[in-house]
Protein backbone atom coordinates (compact mmCIF):
# COMPACT_ATOMS: atom_id res chain seq x y z
CA MET A 1 -2.01 -1.12 -57.77
CA THR A 2 -5.60 0.15 -57.88
CA HIS A 3 -7.77 0.21 -54.82
CA PRO A 4 -10.63 -2.34 -55.13
CA VAL A 5 -13.32 -0.01 -53.77
CA PHE A 6 -12.25 3.55 -54.43
CA GLY A 7 -10.55 2.86 -57.76
CA ARG A 8 -7.33 4.77 -57.19
CA PRO A 9 -3.83 3.93 -55.97
CA PRO A 10 -3.31 3.68 -52.21
CA ALA A 11 -2.43 6.99 -50.59
CA VAL A 12 0.56 5.76 -48.60
CA THR A 13 3.27 3.16 -48.37
CA LEU A 14 3.64 1.47 -44.98
CA VAL A 15 6.89 0.33 -43.38
CA ALA A 16 6.04 -3.34 -43.67
CA ALA A 17 8.11 -4.62 -46.57
CA ALA A 18 7.80 -8.26 -45.63
CA CYS A 19 4.01 -8.05 -45.66
CA VAL A 20 3.88 -6.10 -48.90
CA ALA A 21 6.07 -8.70 -50.59
CA ALA A 22 3.60 -11.40 -49.62
CA LEU A 23 0.51 -9.83 -51.22
CA ALA A 24 -1.18 -12.36 -53.50
CA LEU A 25 -4.45 -12.15 -55.43
CA THR A 26 -6.89 -14.96 -54.85
CA ALA A 27 -10.39 -15.55 -56.18
CA PRO A 28 -13.37 -16.86 -54.18
CA THR A 29 -14.16 -20.52 -54.77
CA PRO A 30 -17.68 -21.96 -55.21
CA ALA A 31 -17.44 -23.25 -51.63
CA ASP A 32 -16.77 -19.70 -50.42
CA ALA A 33 -19.93 -18.48 -52.13
CA GLN A 34 -21.96 -20.93 -50.02
CA ALA A 35 -20.31 -19.90 -46.75
CA ALA A 36 -22.56 -18.88 -43.89
CA PRO A 37 -22.80 -15.11 -43.44
CA LEU A 38 -20.74 -13.33 -40.83
CA VAL A 39 -23.18 -11.78 -38.35
CA LEU A 40 -21.68 -8.51 -37.16
CA GLY A 41 -23.09 -6.18 -34.53
CA LEU A 42 -22.79 -2.42 -34.34
CA ASP A 43 -24.53 0.64 -32.93
CA GLY A 44 -26.49 2.09 -35.86
CA THR A 45 -26.77 5.56 -34.30
CA PHE A 46 -23.03 6.22 -33.84
CA ALA A 47 -22.32 8.66 -36.69
CA PRO A 48 -20.12 8.74 -38.69
CA HIS A 49 -19.23 5.14 -37.90
CA ALA A 50 -22.74 3.77 -38.42
CA MET A 51 -25.96 5.70 -38.97
CA PRO A 52 -29.34 5.28 -40.67
CA LYS A 53 -29.44 5.99 -44.40
CA LEU A 54 -32.27 6.98 -46.70
CA GLY A 55 -34.06 3.92 -48.00
CA GLY A 56 -33.19 1.80 -44.97
CA GLY A 57 -30.12 0.16 -43.56
CA VAL A 58 -27.03 1.85 -42.15
CA GLU A 59 -23.94 3.51 -43.54
CA GLY A 60 -20.66 4.85 -42.22
CA PHE A 61 -16.98 4.13 -41.64
CA ASN A 62 -17.55 0.90 -39.74
CA VAL A 63 -20.26 -0.29 -42.11
CA ASP A 64 -17.84 0.04 -45.04
CA MET A 65 -15.20 -1.70 -42.93
CA ALA A 66 -17.53 -4.59 -42.11
CA ILE A 67 -18.53 -5.13 -45.73
CA GLU A 68 -14.88 -5.07 -46.83
CA LEU A 69 -13.90 -7.55 -44.12
CA GLY A 70 -16.57 -9.93 -45.38
CA ALA A 71 -15.30 -9.58 -48.94
CA ARG A 72 -11.72 -10.30 -47.90
CA LEU A 73 -12.79 -13.32 -45.84
CA ASN A 74 -14.97 -14.56 -48.73
CA ARG A 75 -18.06 -14.47 -46.50
CA PRO A 76 -21.35 -12.61 -46.96
CA VAL A 77 -22.09 -10.15 -44.17
CA GLU A 78 -25.22 -9.65 -42.12
CA ILE A 79 -25.08 -6.39 -40.14
CA VAL A 80 -27.22 -6.16 -37.00
CA ALA A 81 -27.69 -2.62 -35.68
CA GLN A 82 -28.76 -2.21 -32.06
CA GLU A 83 -27.99 -0.17 -28.96
CA TRP A 84 -24.37 -0.25 -27.84
CA SER A 85 -25.18 -1.54 -24.36
CA GLY A 86 -26.33 -4.90 -25.78
CA LEU A 87 -23.46 -5.53 -28.19
CA ILE A 88 -20.80 -7.01 -25.91
CA PRO A 89 -23.32 -9.25 -24.07
CA GLY A 90 -24.62 -10.33 -27.49
CA LEU A 91 -21.11 -11.18 -28.66
CA ASN A 92 -20.38 -13.26 -25.59
CA ALA A 93 -23.73 -15.04 -25.97
CA GLY A 94 -22.83 -16.08 -29.53
CA LYS A 95 -25.27 -13.75 -31.28
CA PHE A 96 -22.44 -12.17 -33.33
CA ASP A 97 -19.29 -13.55 -34.94
CA PHE A 98 -17.54 -10.34 -33.95
CA LEU A 99 -18.41 -6.67 -33.48
CA ALA A 100 -17.98 -4.10 -36.22
CA ALA A 101 -18.77 -1.29 -33.77
CA PRO A 102 -15.81 0.90 -32.80
CA THR A 103 -14.75 -0.58 -29.47
CA THR A 104 -12.13 0.99 -27.23
CA VAL A 105 -9.60 -1.56 -26.01
CA THR A 106 -9.10 -1.35 -22.25
CA PRO A 107 -7.28 -3.82 -19.97
CA GLU A 108 -10.61 -4.83 -18.41
CA ARG A 109 -12.20 -5.59 -21.77
CA ALA A 110 -9.09 -7.36 -23.03
CA GLU A 111 -9.30 -9.74 -20.07
CA ASN A 112 -12.71 -10.88 -21.28
CA MET A 113 -12.52 -10.64 -25.09
CA LEU A 114 -9.98 -11.07 -27.86
CA PHE A 115 -9.07 -8.01 -29.90
CA THR A 116 -7.39 -7.51 -33.24
CA GLU A 117 -4.73 -4.82 -33.55
CA GLY A 118 -6.18 -1.31 -33.52
CA TYR A 119 -7.42 0.38 -36.69
CA LEU A 120 -8.13 3.87 -35.28
CA ASN A 121 -6.74 5.94 -32.43
CA THR A 122 -9.48 7.11 -30.12
CA ASN A 123 -9.36 10.13 -27.87
CA TYR A 124 -12.25 11.49 -25.84
CA GLN A 125 -13.71 14.90 -26.66
CA PHE A 126 -16.45 17.09 -25.23
CA VAL A 127 -19.16 18.72 -27.35
CA ILE A 128 -20.90 21.83 -26.01
CA LEU A 129 -23.34 24.41 -27.34
CA ALA A 130 -21.70 27.00 -29.57
CA GLY A 131 -20.88 30.07 -27.50
CA ALA A 132 -20.98 28.26 -24.14
CA ASP A 133 -18.09 28.67 -21.74
CA PRO A 134 -15.33 26.39 -23.08
CA ILE A 135 -13.99 23.48 -21.07
CA GLU A 136 -10.31 24.35 -20.65
CA SER A 137 -9.53 21.72 -18.02
CA LEU A 138 -11.36 18.88 -16.33
CA ASP A 139 -11.80 21.09 -13.26
CA ASP A 140 -14.24 23.17 -15.35
CA LEU A 141 -16.70 20.25 -15.22
CA ALA A 142 -17.59 20.94 -11.58
CA GLY A 143 -21.35 21.35 -11.10
CA LYS A 144 -22.16 20.44 -14.72
CA VAL A 145 -24.14 17.58 -16.25
CA ILE A 146 -22.26 15.39 -18.74
CA ALA A 147 -24.19 13.15 -21.15
CA VAL A 148 -22.73 9.89 -22.49
CA ASN A 149 -23.76 6.75 -24.36
CA LYS A 150 -24.72 4.07 -21.81
CA GLY A 151 -22.22 1.21 -21.55
CA SER A 152 -19.53 2.98 -23.59
CA ALA A 153 -15.94 3.72 -22.57
CA TYR A 154 -17.05 7.34 -22.02
CA ASP A 155 -19.69 6.12 -19.58
CA SER A 156 -16.99 4.19 -17.71
CA TRP A 157 -14.71 7.23 -17.66
CA GLY A 158 -17.55 9.40 -16.40
CA ARG A 159 -18.48 7.02 -13.57
CA ALA A 160 -14.83 6.76 -12.55
CA ASN A 161 -14.27 10.54 -12.53
CA ALA A 162 -17.61 12.16 -11.61
CA GLU A 163 -16.79 12.47 -7.92
CA THR A 164 -13.21 13.63 -8.54
CA TYR A 165 -14.25 16.51 -10.81
CA GLY A 166 -17.67 17.21 -9.31
CA PHE A 167 -19.94 16.64 -12.32
CA THR A 168 -23.18 14.68 -12.71
CA LEU A 169 -23.24 11.88 -15.26
CA GLU A 170 -26.32 11.01 -17.31
CA SER A 171 -26.27 7.91 -19.55
CA TYR A 172 -28.42 7.55 -22.67
CA GLY A 173 -29.28 4.60 -24.90
CA THR A 174 -27.55 6.17 -27.91
CA ASN A 175 -24.93 8.85 -28.38
CA SER A 176 -27.43 10.77 -30.55
CA ASP A 177 -29.70 11.02 -27.49
CA ALA A 178 -26.73 12.21 -25.43
CA VAL A 179 -26.02 14.96 -27.99
CA GLN A 180 -29.71 15.93 -27.98
CA ALA A 181 -29.47 16.35 -24.20
CA VAL A 182 -26.86 19.04 -24.79
CA MET A 183 -28.94 20.76 -27.46
CA SER A 184 -32.03 20.78 -25.23
CA GLY A 185 -30.12 22.13 -22.23
CA ARG A 186 -30.49 18.97 -20.12
CA ALA A 187 -26.72 18.50 -20.18
CA TYR A 188 -23.82 20.90 -20.50
CA ALA A 189 -21.61 18.62 -22.59
CA ASN A 190 -21.54 15.30 -24.37
CA LEU A 191 -18.43 13.15 -24.06
CA ALA A 192 -17.67 10.77 -26.95
CA GLY A 193 -14.85 9.76 -29.27
CA ASN A 194 -13.11 12.55 -31.14
CA THR A 195 -14.27 11.34 -34.57
CA VAL A 196 -17.89 11.13 -33.43
CA SER A 197 -17.69 14.54 -31.77
CA ALA A 198 -16.18 16.11 -34.89
CA TRP A 199 -18.99 14.66 -37.00
CA ALA A 200 -21.68 15.99 -34.65
CA VAL A 201 -20.26 19.51 -34.83
CA ARG A 202 -19.77 19.28 -38.60
CA LYS A 203 -23.48 18.49 -38.97
CA ASN A 204 -24.88 21.00 -36.49
CA ARG A 205 -23.67 24.58 -36.18
CA ARG A 206 -25.33 24.92 -32.78
CA LEU A 207 -22.57 22.74 -31.38
CA GLU A 208 -18.82 23.17 -31.02
CA LEU A 209 -15.87 21.06 -29.96
CA SER A 210 -14.28 21.57 -26.57
CA TYR A 211 -11.68 19.89 -24.35
CA ILE A 212 -10.00 16.72 -25.67
CA ILE A 213 -8.64 13.92 -23.48
CA ASP A 214 -5.62 12.16 -25.01
CA THR A 215 -6.07 8.52 -24.04
CA GLY A 216 -3.38 6.66 -25.95
CA LEU A 217 -6.07 4.07 -26.70
CA VAL A 218 -7.27 2.51 -29.96
CA TRP A 219 -10.45 1.17 -31.47
CA SER A 220 -10.25 -2.49 -32.38
CA ILE A 221 -12.43 -5.43 -33.42
CA PRO A 222 -13.58 -7.57 -30.46
CA LEU A 223 -14.18 -11.31 -30.65
CA ARG A 224 -15.07 -14.00 -28.14
CA LYS A 225 -12.25 -15.03 -25.85
CA ASP A 226 -12.03 -18.55 -27.28
CA ASP A 227 -12.15 -17.58 -30.97
CA GLU A 228 -8.43 -17.48 -31.76
CA ASP A 229 -8.88 -18.76 -35.33
CA MET A 230 -11.34 -16.01 -36.23
CA ARG A 231 -9.09 -13.41 -34.59
CA ARG A 232 -6.19 -14.50 -36.80
CA MET A 233 -8.27 -14.26 -39.99
CA VAL A 234 -9.83 -10.91 -39.13
CA GLU A 235 -6.55 -9.37 -37.99
CA GLU A 236 -4.77 -10.38 -41.18
CA ALA A 237 -7.61 -8.86 -43.22
CA VAL A 238 -7.26 -5.64 -41.19
CA GLU A 239 -3.53 -5.61 -41.90
CA CYS A 240 -4.14 -6.02 -45.63
CA MET A 241 -6.65 -3.15 -45.52
CA LYS A 242 -3.91 -0.98 -44.02
CA LEU A 243 -1.27 -2.12 -46.49
CA ASP A 244 -3.24 -1.48 -49.68
CA GLY A 245 -4.62 1.90 -48.58
CA PHE A 246 -8.23 0.89 -47.92
CA PHE A 247 -8.24 2.34 -44.39
CA ALA A 248 -6.47 5.53 -45.49
CA ASP A 249 -9.13 6.11 -48.16
CA LEU A 250 -11.93 5.28 -45.73
CA HIS A 251 -10.52 7.74 -43.19
CA GLU A 252 -10.58 10.56 -45.74
CA LYS A 253 -14.04 9.61 -46.97
CA TRP A 254 -15.74 9.78 -43.57
CA PHE A 255 -13.56 12.13 -41.49
CA GLY A 256 -12.42 14.51 -44.22
CA TYR A 257 -8.68 14.33 -43.60
CA ALA A 258 -5.79 11.89 -44.00
CA PRO A 259 -4.68 9.77 -41.04
CA ALA A 260 -1.33 10.54 -39.45
CA PRO A 261 1.50 8.33 -40.80
CA ASP A 262 2.22 6.95 -37.31
CA SER A 263 -1.44 6.37 -36.41
CA ALA A 264 -3.05 2.97 -35.78
CA THR A 265 -4.81 3.39 -39.14
CA MET A 266 -1.46 3.30 -40.93
CA THR A 267 0.59 0.95 -38.76
CA VAL A 268 0.84 -2.84 -39.04
CA PHE A 269 1.79 -4.23 -35.63
CA ALA A 270 3.78 -7.36 -34.86
CA GLY A 271 1.89 -10.45 -33.75
CA TYR A 272 -1.83 -10.43 -32.95
CA GLY A 273 -3.87 -8.10 -30.76
CA VAL A 274 -3.16 -4.69 -29.26
CA PRO A 275 0.45 -4.52 -28.01
CA GLY A 276 0.67 -4.45 -24.24
CA MET A 277 -2.94 -5.50 -23.67
CA PRO A 278 -4.07 -8.85 -22.23
CA GLY A 279 -4.65 -11.44 -24.94
CA SER A 280 -2.08 -9.98 -27.34
CA ASP A 281 0.72 -12.11 -28.77
CA PRO A 282 3.58 -9.97 -30.13
CA THR A 283 5.79 -13.02 -30.70
CA ASP A 284 3.53 -14.77 -33.26
CA PHE A 285 5.12 -13.44 -36.46
CA HIS A 286 2.95 -13.78 -39.53
CA VAL A 287 2.67 -12.49 -43.08
CA PRO A 288 -0.93 -11.77 -44.12
CA GLN A 289 -2.09 -13.42 -47.33
CA CYS A 290 -3.93 -10.50 -48.89
CA ASN A 291 -6.73 -10.86 -51.45
C-alpha cells in the first residue's frame, strides 16, 4: 500500500484489524466535485501547526491535515486563518464547519462542543532564553512573568495557577507575540504546547526548552454541539489517516521524529469522541470506510 501524499508505505501497523479489513477505495463522483467547500478555521501564527508561507497562504501540520480531510470527505477546503481567540466563537456562530486548529480537549470545552478522537498528545512546555535559570519545578515561577496565547488552554492554566505559584500572566493575540515577549525581556517564559515550543527553539538558538507539564490531554477536532453527522464523518476520516500511516508521516515531516506507538497519533479509539470526556460515545462501534 502506497501513501497517497508521501508516496511510500505507511510506517506502522496499528492494532485495529477490523478497521484495516474494511479499507475500500472509492472515487469522487461528479456530485462530490460540486460540493460546497468545507470552511475550516485555524490560527495561522501557530508554528509548526500553521504559519505564513512565502507567496501567501499558510502551511504546517494542521494545514496538511485540513487539506487531507477535505480530500477524504470529497469536499474542497477553504482555510480561514485568524487569531485563536476568535476561533471557538466563530465555530459556534456557524462561521466554520469545524476547526483545523490544534484544540486541547478539556471537560469544560467538551460540554460545549463535539470533539473527534484525539490525533496528537499535548503537553505544556515552557520556553526561556538560552542560558537563563532553568525552570525545574513550578515553584520556580514565583515572581516571574509568563507569556501565553490569549484564549488558549495555556492561558486558562495560567489564570488558574498564577496565584498558587506567584507568577504574573500576560496574554498575547498570537503565540508568536508571546515568544517575542520572552526574547525582548518582557516575559521570563512562554508557555505553549510541547510541539510548538520545540519548533520555536529549533528555529531560534536564543531560546531553549524548559520545564514540561504532563497533562494527559490530546488535541482533537472541535465541531458544533449539534453536528453529530459531521463529527462521524470527520472522525472516521481521522481514523483512516491513522490506519494508512498519513498521520505518522505528517508527524515526522513537521516534528522531525516518529510518534510513539501508543500515542494518540497511532491509536484508533472505540466509538466517537475522546474517551472519558463529555460528548464521547464509546459504545457506538463502527468501521471506517476509508478512501
